Protein backbone atom coordinates (compact mmCIF):
# COMPACT_ATOMS: atom_id res chain seq x y z
CA UNK A 1 73.44 81.89 130.02
CA UNK A 2 72.96 85.58 130.21
CA UNK A 3 74.53 87.45 127.60
CA UNK A 4 74.49 91.32 127.68
CA UNK A 5 74.79 93.25 124.46
CA UNK A 6 75.92 96.75 123.88
CA UNK A 7 73.10 98.16 122.02
CA UNK A 8 74.62 101.38 120.71
CA UNK A 9 73.74 101.03 117.14
CA UNK A 10 70.38 99.29 117.90
CA UNK A 11 68.30 102.10 116.73
CA UNK A 12 70.42 102.55 113.44
CA UNK A 13 69.33 99.63 111.29
CA UNK A 14 70.47 101.09 108.10
CA UNK A 15 74.06 101.09 108.89
CA UNK A 16 76.21 98.11 109.13
CA UNK A 17 76.65 97.73 112.64
CA UNK A 18 72.98 98.43 113.33
CA UNK A 19 72.15 95.56 110.88
CA UNK A 20 74.75 93.22 112.44
CA UNK A 21 73.55 93.63 116.05
CA UNK A 22 69.87 93.44 115.24
CA UNK A 23 70.15 90.35 112.84
CA UNK A 24 72.76 88.30 115.24
CA UNK A 25 70.57 88.97 118.46
CA UNK A 26 67.58 87.90 116.67
CA UNK A 27 69.24 84.83 115.24
CA UNK A 28 70.62 83.87 118.51
CA UNK A 29 67.33 84.04 120.22
CA UNK A 30 65.99 81.72 117.65
CA UNK A 31 68.45 78.84 117.66
CA UNK A 32 69.10 78.72 121.68
CA UNK A 33 66.50 78.65 123.96
CA UNK A 34 68.70 78.51 127.08
CA UNK A 35 70.05 82.17 126.06
CA UNK A 36 69.09 85.07 128.17
CA UNK A 37 69.87 88.03 125.81
CA UNK A 38 69.63 91.60 127.36
CA UNK A 39 70.49 94.55 124.88
CA UNK A 40 71.48 97.88 126.72
CA UNK A 41 70.13 100.82 124.91
CA UNK A 42 71.50 104.47 125.44
CA UNK A 43 68.05 105.91 124.98
CA UNK A 44 64.34 105.65 125.76
CA UNK A 45 62.39 103.46 123.21
CA UNK A 46 59.37 105.56 121.84
CA UNK A 47 56.05 104.44 123.00
CA UNK A 48 54.81 101.33 120.82
CA UNK A 49 57.92 101.02 118.90
CA UNK A 50 58.06 98.32 116.39
CA UNK A 51 61.05 96.30 117.14
CA UNK A 52 62.27 92.86 116.25
CA UNK A 53 63.01 92.37 120.14
CA UNK A 54 59.15 92.03 120.56
CA UNK A 55 58.82 88.91 118.45
CA UNK A 56 61.63 87.18 120.16
CA UNK A 57 63.08 86.30 123.48
CA UNK A 58 65.10 89.52 123.84
CA UNK A 59 65.02 92.10 126.60
CA UNK A 60 65.81 95.67 125.84
CA UNK A 61 66.91 97.88 128.70
CA UNK A 62 66.90 101.47 128.22
CA UNK A 63 69.45 103.39 130.30
CA UNK A 64 69.41 107.12 128.78
CA UNK A 65 72.58 108.82 127.95
CA UNK A 66 73.68 111.51 125.46
CA UNK A 67 74.76 110.76 122.16
CA UNK A 68 77.83 113.03 121.99
CA UNK A 69 81.21 111.35 121.43
CA UNK A 70 82.13 111.97 124.82
CA UNK A 71 79.01 110.27 125.85
CA UNK A 72 79.82 107.33 123.33
CA UNK A 73 83.16 106.93 125.10
CA UNK A 74 81.63 106.98 128.69
CA UNK A 75 78.84 104.51 127.70
CA UNK A 76 81.26 101.97 126.15
CA UNK A 77 84.06 102.39 129.12
CA UNK A 78 81.88 103.00 131.95
CA UNK A 79 78.19 102.30 131.58
CA UNK A 80 78.08 99.14 129.79
CA UNK A 81 80.57 97.10 131.83
CA UNK A 82 79.03 98.34 135.11
CA UNK A 83 75.54 97.52 134.08
CA UNK A 84 76.68 94.11 132.63
CA UNK A 85 78.23 93.37 136.03
CA UNK A 86 75.24 94.64 137.94
CA UNK A 87 73.12 92.29 135.79
CA UNK A 88 75.32 89.10 136.78
CA UNK A 89 76.03 88.76 133.07
CA UNK A 90 77.89 85.63 132.21
CA UNK A 91 78.97 87.55 129.08
CA UNK A 92 79.32 90.96 127.54
CA UNK A 93 79.11 91.12 124.05
CA UNK A 94 80.07 94.41 122.29
CA UNK A 95 79.04 94.17 118.54
CA UNK A 96 81.59 96.70 117.27
CA UNK A 97 85.09 97.82 117.88
CA UNK A 98 84.73 99.42 121.42
CA UNK A 99 85.66 96.76 124.16
CA UNK A 100 85.94 98.30 127.76
CA UNK A 101 89.16 98.47 129.38
CA UNK A 102 87.57 96.74 132.64
CA UNK A 103 87.72 92.94 132.85
CA UNK A 104 84.58 92.80 135.23
CA UNK A 105 82.65 90.71 133.09
CA UNK A 106 84.12 88.23 130.28
CA UNK A 107 83.84 90.05 127.06
CA UNK A 108 83.65 89.11 123.56
CA UNK A 109 84.10 92.10 120.74
CA UNK A 110 83.20 92.17 117.14
CA UNK A 111 85.78 94.06 115.00
CA UNK A 112 84.10 94.55 111.79
CA UNK A 113 87.30 96.03 110.26
CA UNK A 114 90.36 98.08 110.96
CA UNK A 115 89.69 101.13 108.59
CA UNK A 116 90.66 103.84 110.90
CA UNK A 117 93.97 102.29 111.75
CA UNK A 118 94.87 101.00 108.29
CA UNK A 119 93.72 103.70 105.86
CA UNK A 120 95.34 107.03 106.26
CA UNK A 121 92.30 109.03 104.84
CA UNK A 122 90.04 107.52 107.70
CA UNK A 123 92.30 108.41 110.79
CA UNK A 124 90.46 111.61 111.33
CA UNK A 125 91.46 114.27 113.87
CA UNK A 126 93.46 113.95 117.10
CA UNK A 127 90.18 112.96 119.01
CA UNK A 128 89.39 110.10 116.42
CA UNK A 129 93.12 108.90 116.47
CA UNK A 130 93.03 108.92 120.34
CA UNK A 131 89.81 106.76 120.35
CA UNK A 132 91.31 104.48 117.76
CA UNK A 133 94.35 104.13 120.14
CA UNK A 134 92.00 103.39 122.96
CA UNK A 135 90.18 100.81 121.38
CA UNK A 136 93.02 99.25 119.88
CA UNK A 137 94.60 98.72 123.33
CA UNK A 138 91.40 97.56 125.01
CA UNK A 139 91.16 95.03 122.50
CA UNK A 140 93.50 92.85 124.03
CA UNK A 141 91.51 92.56 127.31
CA UNK A 142 88.64 90.85 125.37
CA UNK A 143 88.32 87.14 125.80
CA UNK A 144 87.26 86.60 122.22
CA UNK A 145 87.55 88.93 119.11
CA UNK A 146 85.07 87.98 116.14
CA UNK A 147 85.23 89.50 112.81
CA UNK A 148 83.45 89.26 109.55
CA UNK A 149 85.97 87.81 107.14
CA UNK A 150 88.99 85.84 106.95
CA UNK A 151 90.74 89.16 105.33
CA UNK A 152 89.67 91.18 108.47
CA UNK A 153 91.08 88.31 110.88
CA UNK A 154 94.49 88.55 109.04
CA UNK A 155 94.54 92.31 109.61
CA UNK A 156 93.47 91.96 113.22
CA UNK A 157 96.15 89.36 114.05
CA UNK A 158 98.85 91.52 111.99
CA UNK A 159 98.00 94.69 113.47
CA UNK A 160 96.57 94.17 116.98
CA UNK A 161 99.18 91.41 117.69
CA UNK A 162 96.64 88.96 119.33
CA UNK A 163 96.92 85.07 119.61
CA UNK A 164 95.47 83.39 116.79
CA UNK A 165 93.12 81.32 118.89
CA UNK A 166 91.38 84.53 120.28
CA UNK A 167 90.39 85.72 116.77
CA UNK A 168 87.40 83.93 114.77
CA UNK A 169 86.05 85.06 111.50
CA UNK A 170 82.37 84.49 111.03
CA UNK A 171 80.71 85.55 107.92
CA UNK A 172 77.59 87.51 107.93
CA UNK A 173 74.49 87.38 105.96
CA UNK A 174 71.57 89.40 104.33
CA UNK A 175 67.83 89.44 105.17
CA UNK A 176 65.53 86.90 103.57
CA UNK A 177 63.87 89.47 101.22
CA UNK A 178 66.96 89.56 99.25
CA UNK A 179 66.04 86.83 96.78
CA UNK A 180 65.82 86.30 92.97
CA UNK A 181 62.08 86.89 92.91
CA UNK A 182 60.84 88.52 91.29
CA UNK A 183 58.64 90.49 93.84
CA UNK A 184 55.07 91.57 93.05
CA UNK A 185 55.95 95.27 93.52
CA UNK A 186 59.24 95.07 91.65
CA UNK A 187 58.23 97.03 88.58
CA UNK A 188 56.38 99.69 90.30
CA UNK A 189 59.10 100.20 92.75
CA UNK A 190 61.72 100.68 89.68
CA UNK A 191 59.09 102.90 88.04
CA UNK A 192 58.99 104.95 91.04
CA UNK A 193 62.74 105.40 91.15
CA UNK A 194 62.66 106.14 87.48
CA UNK A 195 64.97 103.25 86.66
CA UNK A 196 65.68 102.63 83.15
CA UNK A 197 64.63 99.21 81.63
CA UNK A 198 68.17 97.94 81.56
CA UNK A 199 70.95 98.96 83.74
CA UNK A 200 74.06 98.74 85.42
CA UNK A 201 73.83 99.20 89.35
CA UNK A 202 76.07 100.95 92.17
CA UNK A 203 74.47 101.06 95.57
CA UNK A 204 76.62 101.96 98.65
CA UNK A 205 78.51 104.73 100.00
CA UNK A 206 80.58 107.31 98.44
CA UNK A 207 83.68 107.58 100.54
CA UNK A 208 86.84 107.64 98.88
CA UNK A 209 87.83 103.77 99.42
CA UNK A 210 84.53 102.96 97.36
CA UNK A 211 86.72 103.78 94.57
CA UNK A 212 83.71 105.52 92.31
CA UNK A 213 86.61 107.26 90.20
CA UNK A 214 87.33 103.76 88.76
CA UNK A 215 83.67 102.86 88.41
CA UNK A 216 82.85 105.81 86.16
CA UNK A 217 85.98 105.43 84.05
CA UNK A 218 85.01 101.78 83.49
CA UNK A 219 81.40 102.73 82.57
CA UNK A 220 82.79 105.43 80.44
CA UNK A 221 84.69 102.97 78.23
CA UNK A 222 81.76 100.73 78.22
CA UNK A 223 79.41 103.43 76.89
CA UNK A 224 81.75 103.62 73.74
CA UNK A 225 81.02 99.94 73.04
CA UNK A 226 77.50 99.87 74.18
CA UNK A 227 75.98 103.08 73.22
CA UNK A 228 72.63 102.19 74.97
CA UNK A 229 74.42 101.32 78.46
CA UNK A 230 72.63 102.92 81.29
CA UNK A 231 74.06 103.17 84.84
CA UNK A 232 72.15 103.69 88.23
CA UNK A 233 73.91 105.05 91.38
CA UNK A 234 72.10 104.52 94.53
CA UNK A 235 73.03 105.71 98.21
CA UNK A 236 72.67 108.83 100.29
CA UNK A 237 74.84 111.52 98.16
CA UNK A 238 77.59 113.30 100.37
CA UNK A 239 76.67 116.82 101.84
CA UNK A 240 80.05 118.18 100.43
CA UNK A 241 82.62 117.38 97.76
CA UNK A 242 85.74 116.58 99.78
CA UNK A 243 88.85 114.28 99.36
CA UNK A 244 87.15 111.94 101.90
CA UNK A 245 83.77 112.14 100.17
CA UNK A 246 84.21 113.16 96.71
CA UNK A 247 80.85 113.93 94.92
CA UNK A 248 80.15 111.28 92.50
CA UNK A 249 78.18 113.62 90.21
CA UNK A 250 81.54 115.44 89.56
CA UNK A 251 83.26 112.13 89.00
CA UNK A 252 80.76 111.03 86.31
CA UNK A 253 81.15 114.45 84.48
CA UNK A 254 84.80 114.25 84.67
CA UNK A 255 84.81 110.74 83.13
CA UNK A 256 82.69 112.45 80.24
CA UNK A 257 79.58 110.27 81.08
CA UNK A 258 76.36 112.02 79.49
CA UNK A 259 74.04 113.18 82.14
CA UNK A 260 71.25 110.71 80.24
CA UNK A 261 73.30 107.82 80.99
CA UNK A 262 73.49 107.77 84.49
CA UNK A 263 70.93 108.33 87.08
CA UNK A 264 71.75 109.35 90.75
CA UNK A 265 68.79 107.89 93.06
CA UNK A 266 70.12 109.16 96.36
CA UNK A 267 68.81 107.53 99.51
CA UNK A 268 66.95 104.15 98.85
CA UNK A 269 64.63 102.66 101.31
CA UNK A 270 65.55 99.09 102.67
CA UNK A 271 62.29 97.79 101.47
CA UNK A 272 63.16 98.91 97.86
CA UNK A 273 66.51 97.72 97.57
CA UNK A 274 65.74 94.04 96.45
CA UNK A 275 63.60 95.14 93.53
CA UNK A 276 66.48 97.71 92.39
CA UNK A 277 69.11 94.85 92.68
CA UNK A 278 66.84 92.31 90.90
CA UNK A 279 66.33 94.78 88.05
CA UNK A 280 70.10 95.29 87.48
CA UNK A 281 72.03 93.46 84.74
CA UNK A 282 75.38 93.81 86.70
CA UNK A 283 76.00 95.18 90.13
CA UNK A 284 79.40 97.23 90.40
CA UNK A 285 81.54 97.23 93.34
CA UNK A 286 85.16 98.34 93.05
CA UNK A 287 85.81 99.14 96.78
CA UNK A 288 89.41 99.09 97.72
CA UNK A 289 88.62 97.88 101.22
CA UNK A 290 85.70 96.11 103.05
CA UNK A 291 85.59 94.18 106.34
CA UNK A 292 82.84 92.29 104.78
CA UNK A 293 80.47 94.21 102.43
CA UNK A 294 76.79 93.78 102.59
CA UNK A 295 75.99 95.22 98.97
CA UNK A 296 77.67 92.64 96.87
CA UNK A 297 76.18 89.76 99.02
CA UNK A 298 72.76 91.41 98.65
CA UNK A 299 73.31 91.64 94.82
CA UNK A 300 74.14 87.90 94.75
CA UNK A 301 71.26 87.05 96.80
CA UNK A 302 68.95 88.64 93.96
CA UNK A 303 70.73 86.80 91.34
CA UNK A 304 72.83 89.71 90.05
CA UNK A 305 76.38 89.08 88.89
CA UNK A 306 79.24 91.40 90.42
CA UNK A 307 82.05 93.12 88.65
CA UNK A 308 84.39 94.56 91.30
CA UNK A 309 87.74 94.72 93.01
CA UNK A 310 89.64 91.63 94.32
CA UNK A 311 90.62 93.26 97.49
CA UNK A 312 90.26 92.66 101.29
CA UNK A 313 86.98 90.47 101.87
CA UNK A 314 85.39 90.88 98.62
CA UNK A 315 86.51 87.47 97.03
CA UNK A 316 85.39 85.63 100.03
CA UNK A 317 81.81 87.27 99.49
CA UNK A 318 81.59 87.05 95.79
CA UNK A 319 83.46 83.80 94.98
CA UNK A 320 82.97 82.67 91.38
CA UNK A 321 79.63 84.63 90.86
CA UNK A 322 81.54 87.72 89.44
CA UNK A 323 84.67 89.07 87.83
CA UNK A 324 86.93 90.58 90.19
CA UNK A 325 90.20 92.72 89.24
CA UNK A 326 92.51 94.95 90.73
CA UNK A 327 90.49 98.18 92.02
CA UNK A 328 92.56 100.42 89.32
CA UNK A 329 92.21 97.95 86.41
CA UNK A 330 89.72 100.34 84.82
CA UNK A 331 89.90 98.58 81.35
CA UNK A 332 89.74 95.04 82.90
CA UNK A 333 86.35 96.18 84.56
CA UNK A 334 84.88 97.66 81.45
CA UNK A 335 85.59 94.68 79.61
CA UNK A 336 83.80 92.41 82.02
CA UNK A 337 80.94 94.69 82.13
CA UNK A 338 80.63 94.84 78.45
CA UNK A 339 80.73 91.02 78.21
CA UNK A 340 77.95 90.70 80.87
CA UNK A 341 75.96 93.27 79.04
CA UNK A 342 76.15 91.48 75.52
CA UNK A 343 76.62 87.55 76.43
CA UNK A 344 73.51 86.18 77.72
CA UNK A 345 75.29 82.73 78.09
CA UNK A 346 78.08 84.35 80.23
CA UNK A 347 75.44 86.18 82.23
CA UNK A 348 73.32 83.09 82.92
CA UNK A 349 76.19 81.19 84.18
CA UNK A 350 77.24 83.96 86.68
CA UNK A 351 73.79 84.52 87.63
CA UNK A 352 73.33 80.79 88.55
CA UNK A 353 76.97 81.00 90.47
CA UNK A 354 75.47 83.96 92.37
CA UNK A 355 72.49 82.23 93.75
CA UNK A 356 74.53 79.21 94.76
CA UNK A 357 77.22 81.41 96.60
CA UNK A 358 74.57 83.62 98.31
CA UNK A 359 73.09 80.34 99.87
CA UNK A 360 76.63 79.73 101.50
CA UNK A 361 75.84 82.66 103.95
CA UNK A 362 73.10 82.49 106.75
CA UNK A 363 72.28 84.38 110.00
CA UNK A 364 71.69 80.98 111.50
CA UNK A 365 75.12 79.82 110.61
CA UNK A 366 76.50 82.94 111.97
CA UNK A 367 74.47 82.41 115.14
CA UNK A 368 75.83 78.94 115.62
CA UNK A 369 79.46 80.00 115.09
CA UNK A 370 78.99 82.95 117.44
CA UNK A 371 77.75 80.77 120.26
CA UNK A 372 80.76 78.49 119.52
CA UNK A 373 82.86 81.79 120.00
CA UNK A 374 81.09 82.33 123.34
CA UNK A 375 81.83 78.96 124.52
CA UNK A 376 85.31 79.33 123.77
CA UNK A 377 85.33 82.84 125.61
CA UNK A 378 84.00 81.08 128.75
CA UNK A 379 86.25 77.87 128.70
């Protein structure tokens, strides 16, 4: 079976869509020798580029195009389906929300979430809204829609009005280097990042749905009970302080958190994240909406309990390995954080739960379920 994959995000391995396409395609190649996997790239690979495809049965086909928004739409709606048809593909997989309108090749699309459709703050300008309307309409032409969680599946069924047998929830997973460790370089990495000896951690984005105002409010309350509590905040900081991307440093000041109690790391290398997560006492994740949410699962795989919100897909990911509360329950989050900081027995129980919960997710399982989705699309 020849599967052609839209590789627009292949060269963006630090994004959720980039992680998904690389990990899934590599896992598919590992479990099914009969698959012929072809990834279409809208750019030319640099000479001697290190790429996971070089270690698996995956063919990367460059087809250079521009990277503007208009080029992206042309790539998705014209170039990819035309190339797939010319390659006699059995199936086209678009691994993000951008299915083509044409039905030339049976198509499977992965819709990670409906954020631009459901959350007003993310609807953008007229061009963004037009694009959302386009992909909403073309999704009905796909043979099968895959999504990352049962919560996203419910949203898709409700808002895109697709038949239930055409939408499948397939949980994702994290890289195998996210383990309880400890790793041999953990201490050096945390020293390089200048982490305090004992800290709570937030690692992720800073757009408004991440709910950092509630996080800082909870930590401010925690500081009044645990004066030595320390918070580490990791992730690429916003370039401007807007309603969509509020500056977390301002939010921390408004929550009256002393500068000495919070450390902003900025961007963290992927290879440094496991050591950072393993060193944390608690992982904080009060997001109001996630299609899946890699960060809390990465924390669980490292044995770090989660305090976060009970919204969207987060309960599916965290299970009983954390304390989940309504996203605006600042006092409840503070109480959970305090208990995890001072109660070693409670912390040990959630750490054990975290490791067990993380074992329920694997890329092998995701690949097997994706193959079943392909078969159903072709049936």
